[in-house]
Amino acid sequence: MKKKSQTLCDQVLCLGTMAFSVNAFLAKLREHADRARRLFSNPQKPERERMIVRAFFRCVGEAFEDSEIVASREEPIDVRFRTADFQIMEIVGNKRRGLDWRRRQDRYR
C-alpha cells in the first residue's frame, strides 16, 4: 500500500511539474508572439530592413560591421551599405501578418 501511495504522490508531482512546464511553455509562446508583433510593426521597419541586408551579406560571405548597414531616410532607398543602396520589398501572400500574430497572441493567453 505504501508503494501505491508513493507512486500516486510521484504522479501528482509529475503532473505538477508538467503543469508548470506547460505554463512556462505558454509564457514563452506569448513572449515570442509579442516580440514578433513588435518586430513586424511599422516603427520597426528600418530594423527589419537592416536585418535582411545583414542576412544577405552573411549568405554571400560579405564581411561587414553592423554600423556600416544604415537605414536610409531617402526614398526609395531603404538601406545603405558603403557605396551600395538597397530597396527592400516584402512579399507576403495575404498582407495580414500582424493579424496572424495578434491571433496567436490571443490563443496563447
PDB file of N, CA and C in Angstrom:
ATOM      1  N   MET A   1       0.824  -1.191   0.000  1.00  0.00           N
ATOM      2  CA  MET A   1       0.000   0.000   0.000  1.00  0.00           C
ATOM      3  C   MET A   1       0.867   1.254   0.000  1.00  0.00           C
ATOM      4  N   LYS A   2       1.958   1.194   0.720  1.00  0.00           N
ATOM      5  CA  LYS A   2       2.829   2.357   0.784  1.00  0.00           C
ATOM      6  C   LYS A   2       3.411   2.679  -0.598  1.00  0.00           C
ATOM      7  N   LYS A   3       3.720   1.625  -1.349  1.00  0.00           N
ATOM      8  CA  LYS A   3       4.272   1.854  -2.676  1.00  0.00           C
ATOM      9  C   LYS A   3       3.269   2.565  -3.577  1.00  0.00           C
ATOM     10  N   LYS A   4       1.995   2.168  -3.524  1.00  0.00           N
ATOM     11  CA  LYS A   4       0.977   2.822  -4.340  1.00  0.00           C
ATOM     12  C   LYS A   4       0.873   4.294  -3.966  1.00  0.00           C
ATOM     13  N   SER A   5       0.911   4.560  -2.661  1.00  0.00           N
ATOM     14  CA  SER A   5       0.824   5.939  -2.199  1.00  0.00           C
ATOM     15  C   SER A   5       1.996   6.759  -2.738  1.00  0.00           C
ATOM     16  N   GLN A   6       3.187   6.183  -2.693  1.00  0.00           N
ATOM     17  CA  GLN A   6       4.352   6.893  -3.215  1.00  0.00           C
ATOM     18  C   GLN A   6       4.233   7.068  -4.728  1.00  0.00           C
ATOM     19  N   THR A   7       3.749   6.054  -5.391  1.00  0.00           N
ATOM     20  CA  THR A   7       3.589   6.154  -6.836  1.00  0.00           C
ATOM     21  C   THR A   7       2.580   7.243  -7.181  1.00  0.00           C
ATOM     22  N   LEU A   8       1.457   7.270  -6.457  1.00  0.00           N
ATOM     23  CA  LEU A   8       0.462   8.303  -6.682  1.00  0.00           C
ATOM     24  C   LEU A   8       1.057   9.686  -6.407  1.00  0.00           C
ATOM     25  N   CYS A   9       1.825   9.776  -5.330  1.00  0.00           N
ATOM     26  CA  CYS A   9       2.485  11.037  -4.992  1.00  0.00           C
ATOM     27  C   CYS A   9       3.442  11.436  -6.111  1.00  0.00           C
ATOM     28  N   ASP A  10       4.204  10.463  -6.611  1.00  0.00           N
ATOM     29  CA  ASP A  10       5.119  10.746  -7.712  1.00  0.00           C
ATOM     30  C   ASP A  10       4.352  11.247  -8.935  1.00  0.00           C
ATOM     31  N   GLN A  11       3.184  10.631  -9.199  1.00  0.00           N
ATOM     32  CA  GLN A  11       2.377  11.049 -10.342  1.00  0.00           C
ATOM     33  C   GLN A  11       1.876  12.479 -10.160  1.00  0.00           C
ATOM     34  N   VAL A  12       1.434  12.796  -8.966  1.00  0.00           N
ATOM     35  CA  VAL A  12       0.952  14.148  -8.701  1.00  0.00           C
ATOM     36  C   VAL A  12       2.086  15.151  -8.880  1.00  0.00           C
ATOM     37  N   LEU A  13       3.272  14.804  -8.364  1.00  0.00           N
ATOM     38  CA  LEU A  13       4.422  15.695  -8.550  1.00  0.00           C
ATOM     39  C   LEU A  13       4.735  15.853 -10.027  1.00  0.00           C
ATOM     40  N   CYS A  14       4.653  14.742 -10.745  1.00  0.00           N
ATOM     41  CA  CYS A  14       4.918  14.782 -12.181  1.00  0.00           C
ATOM     42  C   CYS A  14       3.897  15.690 -12.865  1.00  0.00           C
ATOM     43  N   LEU A  15       2.627  15.546 -12.518  1.00  0.00           N
ATOM     44  CA  LEU A  15       1.595  16.399 -13.104  1.00  0.00           C
ATOM     45  C   LEU A  15       1.821  17.855 -12.724  1.00  0.00           C
ATOM     46  N   GLY A  16       2.231  18.083 -11.480  1.00  0.00           N
ATOM     47  CA  GLY A  16       2.524  19.448 -11.058  1.00  0.00           C
ATOM     48  C   GLY A  16       3.653  20.042 -11.873  1.00  0.00           C
ATOM     49  N   THR A  17       4.687  19.254 -12.113  1.00  0.00           N
ATOM     50  CA  THR A  17       5.817  19.708 -12.917  1.00  0.00           C
ATOM     51  C   THR A  17       5.374  19.937 -14.350  1.00  0.00           C
ATOM     52  N   MET A  18       4.542  19.024 -14.862  1.00  0.00           N
ATOM     53  CA  MET A  18       4.071  19.168 -16.229  1.00  0.00           C
ATOM     54  C   MET A  18       3.233  20.440 -16.362  1.00  0.00           C
ATOM     55  N   ALA A  19       2.388  20.703 -15.388  1.00  0.00           N
ATOM     56  CA  ALA A  19       1.575  21.917 -15.431  1.00  0.00           C
ATOM     57  C   ALA A  19       2.479  23.147 -15.440  1.00  0.00           C
ATOM     58  N   PHE A  20       3.525  23.099 -14.632  1.00  0.00           N
ATOM     59  CA  PHE A  20       4.476  24.208 -14.625  1.00  0.00           C
ATOM     60  C   PHE A  20       5.143  24.325 -15.989  1.00  0.00           C
ATOM     61  N   SER A  21       5.519  23.189 -16.570  1.00  0.00           N
ATOM     62  CA  SER A  21       6.181  23.208 -17.869  1.00  0.00           C
ATOM     63  C   SER A  21       5.259  23.765 -18.945  1.00  0.00           C
ATOM     64  N   VAL A  22       3.981  23.383 -18.903  1.00  0.00           N
ATOM     65  CA  VAL A  22       3.025  23.896 -19.879  1.00  0.00           C
ATOM     66  C   VAL A  22       2.876  25.406 -19.708  1.00  0.00           C
ATOM     67  N   ASN A  23       2.769  25.854 -18.462  1.00  0.00           N
ATOM     68  CA  ASN A  23       2.666  27.297 -18.215  1.00  0.00           C
ATOM     69  C   ASN A  23       3.908  28.031 -18.691  1.00  0.00           C
ATOM     70  N   ALA A  24       5.072  27.454 -18.435  1.00  0.00           N
ATOM     71  CA  ALA A  24       6.321  28.076 -18.886  1.00  0.00           C
ATOM     72  C   ALA A  24       6.379  28.108 -20.414  1.00  0.00           C
ATOM     73  N   PHE A  25       5.932  27.017 -21.039  1.00  0.00           N
ATOM     74  CA  PHE A  25       5.919  26.940 -22.497  1.00  0.00           C
ATOM     75  C   PHE A  25       4.976  27.997 -23.076  1.00  0.00           C
ATOM     76  N   LEU A  26       3.776  28.105 -22.494  1.00  0.00           N
ATOM     77  CA  LEU A  26       2.822  29.113 -22.965  1.00  0.00           C
ATOM     78  C   LEU A  26       3.366  30.526 -22.758  1.00  0.00           C
ATOM     79  N   ALA A  27       4.060  30.748 -21.659  1.00  0.00           N
ATOM     80  CA  ALA A  27       4.663  32.064 -21.416  1.00  0.00           C
ATOM     81  C   ALA A  27       5.687  32.380 -22.501  1.00  0.00           C
ATOM     82  N   LYS A  28       6.478  31.378 -22.888  1.00  0.00           N
ATOM     83  CA  LYS A  28       7.465  31.574 -23.958  1.00  0.00           C
ATOM     84  C   LYS A  28       6.769  31.871 -25.284  1.00  0.00           C
ATOM     85  N   LEU A  29       5.675  31.149 -25.568  1.00  0.00           N
ATOM     86  CA  LEU A  29       4.932  31.409 -26.801  1.00  0.00           C
ATOM     87  C   LEU A  29       4.380  32.830 -26.818  1.00  0.00           C
ATOM     88  N   ARG A  30       3.840  33.275 -25.683  1.00  0.00           N
ATOM     89  CA  ARG A  30       3.314  34.638 -25.599  1.00  0.00           C
ATOM     90  C   ARG A  30       4.428  35.658 -25.818  1.00  0.00           C
ATOM     91  N   GLU A  31       5.568  35.412 -25.187  1.00  0.00           N
ATOM     92  CA  GLU A  31       6.710  36.322 -25.338  1.00  0.00           C
ATOM     93  C   GLU A  31       7.158  36.383 -26.796  1.00  0.00           C
ATOM     94  N   HIS A  32       7.228  35.220 -27.450  1.00  0.00           N
ATOM     95  CA  HIS A  32       7.638  35.167 -28.858  1.00  0.00           C
ATOM     96  C   HIS A  32       6.641  35.930 -29.737  1.00  0.00           C
ATOM     97  N   ALA A  33       5.350  35.717 -29.503  1.00  0.00           N
ATOM     98  CA  ALA A  33       4.325  36.413 -30.292  1.00  0.00           C
ATOM     99  C   ALA A  33       4.405  37.920 -30.070  1.00  0.00           C
ATOM    100  N   ASP A  34       4.625  38.343 -28.839  1.00  0.00           N
ATOM    101  CA  ASP A  34       4.763  39.777 -28.540  1.00  0.00           C
ATOM    102  C   ASP A  34       5.955  40.378 -29.285  1.00  0.00           C
ATOM    103  N   ARG A  35       7.092  39.674 -29.235  1.00  0.00           N
ATOM    104  CA  ARG A  35       8.291  40.178 -29.923  1.00  0.00           C
ATOM    105  C   ARG A  35       8.075  40.222 -31.431  1.00  0.00           C
ATOM    106  N   ALA A  36       7.421  39.187 -31.971  1.00  0.00           N
ATOM    107  CA  ALA A  36       7.167  39.145 -33.415  1.00  0.00           C
ATOM    108  C   ALA A  36       6.262  40.296 -33.835  1.00  0.00           C
ATOM    109  N   ARG A  37       5.220  40.558 -33.065  1.00  0.00           N
ATOM    110  CA  ARG A  37       4.321  41.672 -33.404  1.00  0.00           C
ATOM    111  C   ARG A  37       5.052  43.000 -33.349  1.00  0.00           C
ATOM    112  N   ARG A  38       5.923  43.173 -32.366  1.00  0.00           N
ATOM    113  CA  ARG A  38       6.703  44.422 -32.296  1.00  0.00           C
ATOM    114  C   ARG A  38       7.626  44.537 -33.510  1.00  0.00           C
ATOM    115  N   LEU A  39       8.288  43.422 -33.860  1.00  0.00           N
ATOM    116  CA  LEU A  39       9.213  43.439 -34.992  1.00  0.00           C
ATOM    117  C   LEU A  39       8.487  43.777 -36.292  1.00  0.00           C
ATOM    118  N   PHE A  40       7.284  43.259 -36.477  1.00  0.00           N
ATOM    119  CA  PHE A  40       6.543  43.490 -37.714  1.00  0.00           C
ATOM    120  C   PHE A  40       5.746  44.793 -37.700  1.00  0.00           C
ATOM    121  N   SER A  41       5.856  45.570 -36.646  1.00  0.00           N
ATOM    122  CA  SER A  41       5.146  46.850 -36.591  1.00  0.00           C
ATOM    123  C   SER A  41       5.868  47.880 -37.463  1.00  0.00           C
ATOM    124  N   ASN A  42       5.160  48.912 -37.862  1.00  0.00           N
ATOM    125  CA  ASN A  42       5.750  49.953 -38.714  1.00  0.00           C
ATOM    126  C   ASN A  42       6.976  50.626 -38.108  1.00  0.00           C
ATOM    127  N   PRO A  43       6.987  50.936 -36.799  1.00  0.00           N
ATOM    128  CA  PRO A  43       8.187  51.586 -36.254  1.00  0.00           C
ATOM    129  C   PRO A  43       9.455  50.727 -36.378  1.00  0.00           C
ATOM    130  N   GLN A  44       9.302  49.425 -36.498  1.00  0.00           N
ATOM    131  CA  GLN A  44      10.464  48.537 -36.601  1.00  0.00           C
ATOM    132  C   GLN A  44      10.874  48.248 -38.044  1.00  0.00           C
ATOM    133  N   LYS A  45      10.199  48.858 -39.012  1.00  0.00           N
ATOM    134  CA  LYS A  45      10.508  48.591 -40.422  1.00  0.00           C
ATOM    135  C   LYS A  45      11.983  48.834 -40.758  1.00  0.00           C
ATOM    136  N   PRO A  46      12.590  49.951 -40.345  1.00  0.00           N
ATOM    137  CA  PRO A  46      14.017  50.141 -40.654  1.00  0.00           C
ATOM    138  C   PRO A  46      14.898  49.026 -40.083  1.00  0.00           C
ATOM    139  N   GLU A  47      14.605  48.571 -38.882  1.00  0.00           N
ATOM    140  CA  GLU A  47      15.409  47.494 -38.293  1.00  0.00           C
ATOM    141  C   GLU A  47      15.202  46.188 -39.058  1.00  0.00           C
ATOM    142  N   ARG A  48      13.971  45.893 -39.464  1.00  0.00           N
ATOM    143  CA  ARG A  48      13.714  44.685 -40.267  1.00  0.00           C
ATOM    144  C   ARG A  48      14.514  44.728 -41.558  1.00  0.00           C
ATOM    145  N   GLU A  49      14.536  45.881 -42.199  1.00  0.00           N
ATOM    146  CA  GLU A  49      15.261  46.009 -43.463  1.00  0.00           C
ATOM    147  C   GLU A  49      16.759  45.835 -43.255  1.00  0.00           C
ATOM    148  N   ARG A  50      17.278  46.371 -42.172  1.00  0.00           N
ATOM    149  CA  ARG A  50      18.699  46.173 -41.851  1.00  0.00           C
ATOM    150  C   ARG A  50      18.983  44.692 -41.586  1.00  0.00           C
ATOM    151  N   MET A  51      18.059  44.017 -40.908  1.00  0.00           N
ATOM    152  CA  MET A  51      18.224  42.581 -40.636  1.00  0.00           C
ATOM    153  C   MET A  51      18.326  41.790 -41.938  1.00  0.00           C
ATOM    154  N   ILE A  52      17.511  42.158 -42.918  1.00  0.00           N
ATOM    155  CA  ILE A  52      17.510  41.461 -44.205  1.00  0.00           C
ATOM    156  C   ILE A  52      18.847  41.641 -44.905  1.00  0.00           C
ATOM    157  N   VAL A  53      19.377  42.856 -44.896  1.00  0.00           N
ATOM    158  CA  VAL A  53      20.667  43.115 -45.541  1.00  0.00           C
ATOM    159  C   VAL A  53      21.781  42.366 -44.809  1.00  0.00           C
ATOM    160  N   ARG A  54      21.748  42.361 -43.471  1.00  0.00           N
ATOM    161  CA  ARG A  54      22.760  41.597 -42.717  1.00  0.00           C
ATOM    162  C   ARG A  54      22.706  40.117 -43.090  1.00  0.00           C
ATOM    163  N   ALA A  55      21.500  39.561 -43.162  1.00  0.00           N
ATOM    164  CA  ALA A  55      21.348  38.141 -43.513  1.00  0.00           C
ATOM    165  C   ALA A  55      21.866  37.882 -44.927  1.00  0.00           C
ATOM    166  N   PHE A  56      21.565  38.791 -45.843  1.00  0.00           N
ATOM    167  CA  PHE A  56      22.047  38.654 -47.217  1.00  0.00           C
ATOM    168  C   PHE A  56      23.573  38.616 -47.254  1.00  0.00           C
ATOM    169  N   PHE A  57      24.212  39.536 -46.544  1.00  0.00           N
ATOM    170  CA  PHE A  57      25.676  39.570 -46.536  1.00  0.00           C
ATOM    171  C   PHE A  57      26.270  38.312 -45.909  1.00  0.00           C
ATOM    172  N   ARG A  58      25.648  37.802 -44.855  1.00  0.00           N
ATOM    173  CA  ARG A  58      26.143  36.552 -44.265  1.00  0.00           C
ATOM    174  C   ARG A  58      26.042  35.413 -45.275  1.00  0.00           C
ATOM    175  N   CYS A  59      24.946  35.378 -46.039  1.00  0.00           N
ATOM    176  CA  CYS A  59      24.751  34.305 -47.028  1.00  0.00           C
ATOM    177  C   CYS A  59      25.771  34.367 -48.157  1.00  0.00           C
ATOM    178  N   VAL A  60      26.106  35.568 -48.598  1.00  0.00           N
ATOM    179  CA  VAL A  60      27.051  35.693 -49.712  1.00  0.00           C
ATOM    180  C   VAL A  60      28.494  35.800 -49.244  1.00  0.00           C
ATOM    181  N   GLY A  61      28.715  35.803 -47.926  1.00  0.00           N
ATOM    182  CA  GLY A  61      30.071  35.821 -47.391  1.00  0.00           C
ATOM    183  C   GLY A  61      30.729  37.192 -47.380  1.00  0.00           C
ATOM    184  N   GLU A  62      29.952  38.247 -47.420  1.00  0.00           N
ATOM    185  CA  GLU A  62      30.495  39.613 -47.386  1.00  0.00           C
ATOM    186  C   GLU A  62      30.773  40.021 -45.937  1.00  0.00           C
ATOM    187  N   ALA A  63      31.999  40.434 -45.674  1.00  0.00           N
ATOM    188  CA  ALA A  63      32.350  40.901 -44.327  1.00  0.00           C
ATOM    189  C   ALA A  63      31.795  42.311 -44.133  1.00  0.00           C
ATOM    190  N   PHE A  64      31.290  42.574 -42.945  1.00  0.00           N
ATOM    191  CA  PHE A  64      30.718  43.893 -42.672  1.00  0.00           C
ATOM    192  C   PHE A  64      30.718  44.152 -41.181  1.00  0.00           C
ATOM    193  N   GLU A  65      30.651  45.419 -40.854  1.00  0.00           N
ATOM    194  CA  GLU A  65      30.420  45.861 -39.483  1.00  0.00           C
ATOM    195  C   GLU A  65      28.961  46.294 -39.417  1.00  0.00           C
ATOM    196  N   ASP A  66      28.318  46.022 -38.309  1.00  0.00           N
ATOM    197  CA  ASP A  66      26.909  46.376 -38.180  1.00  0.00           C
ATOM    198  C   ASP A  66      26.676  47.869 -38.409  1.00  0.00           C
ATOM    199  N   SER A  67      27.628  48.672 -38.001  1.00  0.00           N
ATOM    200  CA  SER A  67      27.483  50.128 -38.150  1.00  0.00           C
ATOM    201  C   SER A  67      27.510  50.574 -39.617  1.00  0.00           C
ATOM    202  N   GLU A  68      27.977  49.709 -40.525  1.00  0.00           N
ATOM    203  CA  GLU A  68      28.020  50.055 -41.948  1.00  0.00           C
ATOM    204  C   GLU A  68      26.651  49.916 -42.622  1.00  0.00           C
ATOM    205  N   ILE A  69      25.750  49.194 -41.992  1.00  0.00           N
ATOM    206  CA  ILE A  69      24.418  48.965 -42.561  1.00  0.00           C
ATOM    207  C   ILE A  69      23.479  49.978 -41.923  1.00  0.00           C
ATOM    208  N   VAL A  70      23.113  50.976 -42.711  1.00  0.00           N
ATOM    209  CA  VAL A  70      22.400  52.135 -42.173  1.00  0.00           C
ATOM    210  C   VAL A  70      21.030  52.273 -42.837  1.00  0.00           C
ATOM    211  N   ALA A  71      20.006  52.468 -42.022  1.00  0.00           N
ATOM    212  CA  ALA A  71      18.670  52.738 -42.559  1.00  0.00           C
ATOM    213  C   ALA A  71      18.691  54.116 -43.209  1.00  0.00           C
ATOM    214  N   SER A  72      18.185  54.187 -44.432  1.00  0.00           N
ATOM    215  CA  SER A  72      18.182  55.447 -45.175  1.00  0.00           C
ATOM    216  C   SER A  72      16.933  56.257 -44.860  1.00  0.00           C
ATOM    217  N   ARG A  73      17.072  57.564 -44.966  1.00  0.00           N
ATOM    218  CA  ARG A  73      15.913  58.458 -44.804  1.00  0.00           C
ATOM    219  C   ARG A  73      15.409  58.932 -46.166  1.00  0.00           C
ATOM    220  N   GLU A  74      16.106  58.531 -47.226  1.00  0.00           N
ATOM    221  CA  GLU A  74      15.739  58.951 -48.583  1.00  0.00           C
ATOM    222  C   GLU A  74      14.984  57.835 -49.286  1.00  0.00           C
ATOM    223  N   GLU A  75      13.826  58.160 -49.841  1.00  0.00           N
ATOM    224  CA  GLU A  75      13.083  57.190 -50.645  1.00  0.00           C
ATOM    225  C   GLU A  75      13.655  57.184 -52.048  1.00  0.00           C
ATOM    226  N   PRO A  76      13.708  56.113 -52.754  1.00  0.00           N
ATOM    227  CA  PRO A  76      13.218  54.781 -52.419  1.00  0.00           C
ATOM    228  C   PRO A  76      14.265  53.906 -51.738  1.00  0.00           C
ATOM    229  N   ILE A  77      15.379  54.486 -51.331  1.00  0.00           N
ATOM    230  CA  ILE A  77      16.449  53.707 -50.706  1.00  0.00           C
ATOM    231  C   ILE A  77      16.050  53.368 -49.271  1.00  0.00           C
ATOM    232  N   ASP A  78      16.147  52.083 -48.931  1.00  0.00           N
ATOM    233  CA  ASP A  78      15.804  51.640 -47.576  1.00  0.00           C
ATOM    234  C   ASP A  78      17.035  51.488 -46.695  1.00  0.00           C
ATOM    235  N   VAL A  79      18.112  50.950 -47.290  1.00  0.00           N
ATOM    236  CA  VAL A  79      19.325  50.670 -46.517  1.00  0.00           C
ATOM    237  C   VAL A  79      20.540  51.050 -47.351  1.00  0.00           C
ATOM    238  N   ARG A  80      21.510  51.652 -46.689  1.00  0.00           N
ATOM    239  CA  ARG A  80      22.785  51.979 -47.342  1.00  0.00           C
ATOM    240  C   ARG A  80      23.889  51.130 -46.714  1.00  0.00           C
ATOM    241  N   PHE A  81      24.789  50.677 -47.594  1.00  0.00           N
ATOM    242  CA  PHE A  81      25.963  49.933 -47.142  1.00  0.00           C
ATOM    243  C   PHE A  81      27.136  50.397 -47.990  1.00  0.00           C
ATOM    244  N   ARG A  82      28.064  51.065 -47.348  1.00  0.00           N
ATOM    245  CA  ARG A  82      29.210  51.643 -48.061  1.00  0.00           C
ATOM    246  C   ARG A  82      28.695  52.448 -49.256  1.00  0.00           C
ATOM    247  N   THR A  83      29.007  52.015 -50.486  1.00  0.00           N
ATOM    248  CA  THR A  83      28.534  52.763 -51.664  1.00  0.00           C
ATOM    249  C   THR A  83      27.294  52.139 -52.296  1.00  0.00           C
ATOM    250  N   ALA A  84      26.768  51.099 -51.695  1.00  0.00           N
ATOM    251  CA  ALA A  84      25.593  50.411 -52.251  1.00  0.00           C
ATOM    252  C   ALA A  84      24.309  50.874 -51.560  1.00  0.00           C
ATOM    253  N   ASP A  85      23.257  50.945 -52.345  1.00  0.00           N
ATOM    254  CA  ASP A  85      21.930  51.285 -51.827  1.00  0.00           C
ATOM    255  C   ASP A  85      20.996  50.106 -52.073  1.00  0.00           C
ATOM    256  N   PHE A  86      20.144  49.821 -51.097  1.00  0.00           N
ATOM    257  CA  PHE A  86      19.211  48.702 -51.207  1.00  0.00           C
ATOM    258  C   PHE A  86      17.785  49.189 -51.016  1.00  0.00           C
ATOM    259  N   GLN A  87      16.903  48.616 -51.812  1.00  0.00           N
ATOM    260  CA  GLN A  87      15.478  48.811 -51.583  1.00  0.00           C
ATOM    261  C   GLN A  87      14.912  47.429 -51.264  1.00  0.00           C
ATOM    262  N   ILE A  88      14.310  47.303 -50.108  1.00  0.00           N
ATOM    263  CA  ILE A  88      13.785  46.023 -49.642  1.00  0.00           C
ATOM    264  C   ILE A  88      12.302  45.961 -49.976  1.00  0.00           C
ATOM    265  N   MET A  89      11.903  44.858 -50.589  1.00  0.00           N
ATOM    266  CA  MET A  89      10.487  44.667 -50.893  1.00  0.00           C
ATOM    267  C   MET A  89      10.009  43.415 -50.178  1.00  0.00           C
ATOM    268  N   GLU A  90       8.990  43.582 -49.362  1.00  0.00           N
ATOM    269  CA  GLU A  90       8.405  42.442 -48.667  1.00  0.00           C
ATOM    270  C   GLU A  90       7.322  41.845 -49.550  1.00  0.00           C
ATOM    271  N   ILE A  91       7.378  40.541 -49.708  1.00  0.00           N
ATOM    272  CA  ILE A  91       6.355  39.851 -50.483  1.00  0.00           C
ATOM    273  C   ILE A  91       5.634  38.921 -49.522  1.00  0.00           C
ATOM    274  N   VAL A  92       4.427  39.308 -49.159  1.00  0.00           N
ATOM    275  CA  VAL A  92       3.618  38.479 -48.267  1.00  0.00           C
ATOM    276  C   VAL A  92       2.313  38.169 -48.977  1.00  0.00           C
ATOM    277  N   GLY A  93       1.864  36.932 -48.827  1.00  0.00           N
ATOM    278  CA  GLY A  93       0.689  36.467 -49.545  1.00  0.00           C
ATOM    279  C   GLY A  93      -0.571  37.247 -49.253  1.00  0.00           C
ATOM    280  N   ASN A  94      -1.006  37.246 -48.010  1.00  0.00           N
ATOM    281  CA  ASN A  94      -2.301  37.861 -47.724  1.00  0.00           C
ATOM    282  C   ASN A  94      -2.180  39.216 -47.028  1.00  0.00           C
ATOM    283  N   LYS A  95      -0.974  39.691 -46.822  1.00  0.00           N
ATOM    284  CA  LYS A  95      -0.719  41.003 -46.212  1.00  0.00           C
ATOM    285  C   LYS A  95      -1.360  41.163 -44.835  1.00  0.00           C
ATOM    286  N   ARG A  96      -1.541  40.081 -44.119  1.00  0.00           N
ATOM    287  CA  ARG A  96      -2.155  40.155 -42.793  1.00  0.00           C
ATOM    288  C   ARG A  96      -1.254  39.530 -41.733  1.00  0.00           C
ATOM    289  N   ARG A  97       0.005  39.724 -41.882  1.00  0.00           N
ATOM    290  CA  ARG A  97       0.964  39.138 -40.961  1.00  0.00           C
ATOM    291  C   ARG A  97       0.707  39.602 -39.529  1.00  0.00           C
ATOM    292  N   GLY A  98       0.424  40.888 -39.331  1.00  0.00           N
ATOM    293  CA  GLY A  98       0.156  41.409 -37.989  1.00  0.00           C
ATOM    294  C   GLY A  98      -1.077  40.786 -37.378  1.00  0.00           C
ATOM    295  N   LEU A  99      -2.119  40.599 -38.197  1.00  0.00           N
ATOM    296  CA  LEU A  99      -3.354  39.982 -37.713  1.00  0.00           C
ATOM    297  C   LEU A  99      -3.095  38.543 -37.294  1.00  0.00           C
ATOM    298  N   ASP A 100      -2.279  37.828 -38.057  1.00  0.00           N
ATOM    299  CA  ASP A 100      -1.934  36.444 -37.716  1.00  0.00           C
ATOM    300  C   ASP A 100      -1.244  36.376 -36.357  1.00  0.00           C
ATOM    301  N   TRP A 101      -0.295  37.277 -36.126  1.00  0.00           N
ATOM    302  CA  TRP A 101       0.414  37.259 -34.838  1.00  0.00           C
ATOM    303  C   TRP A 101      -0.491  37.697 -33.694  1.00  0.00           C
ATOM    304  N   ARG A 102      -1.424  38.607 -33.960  1.00  0.00           N
ATOM    305  CA  ARG A 102      -2.382  39.009 -32.921  1.00  0.00           C
ATOM    306  C   ARG A 102      -3.254  37.813 -32.527  1.00  0.00           C
ATOM    307  N   ARG A 103      -3.693  37.035 -33.522  1.00  0.00           N
ATOM    308  CA  ARG A 103      -4.498  35.838 -33.234  1.00  0.00           C
ATOM    309  C   ARG A 103      -3.691  34.823 -32.426  1.00  0.00           C
ATOM    310  N   ARG A 104      -2.422  34.671 -32.767  1.00  0.00           N
ATOM    311  CA  ARG A 104      -1.576  33.755 -31.998  1.00  0.00           C
ATOM    312  C   ARG A 104      -1.455  34.225 -30.555  1.00  0.00           C
ATOM    313  N   GLN A 105      -1.243  35.518 -30.372  1.00  0.00           N
ATOM    314  CA  GLN A 105      -1.157  36.067 -29.013  1.00  0.00           C
ATOM    315  C   GLN A 105      -2.419  35.737 -28.229  1.00  0.00           C
ATOM    316  N   ASP A 106      -3.566  35.970 -28.845  1.00  0.00           N
ATOM    317  CA  ASP A 106      -4.839  35.700 -28.163  1.00  0.00           C
ATOM    318  C   ASP A 106      -4.980  34.218 -27.823  1.00  0.00           C
ATOM    319  N   ARG A 107      -4.554  33.360 -28.725  1.00  0.00           N
ATOM    320  CA  ARG A 107      -4.655  31.917 -28.494  1.00  0.00           C
ATOM    321  C   ARG A 107      -3.760  31.479 -27.335  1.00  0.00           C
ATOM    322  N   TYR A 108      -2.616  32.117 -27.153  1.00  0.00           N
ATOM    323  CA  TYR A 108      -1.667  31.722 -26.107  1.00  0.00           C
ATOM    324  C   TYR A 108      -2.041  32.267 -24.736  1.00  0.00           C
ATOM    325  N   ARG A 109      -3.036  33.101 -24.639  1.00  0.00           N
ATOM    326  CA  ARG A 109      -3.428  33.680 -23.341  1.00  0.00           C
ATOM    327  C   ARG A 109      -4.317  32.756 -22.568  1.00  0.00           C
TER     328      ARG A 109
END
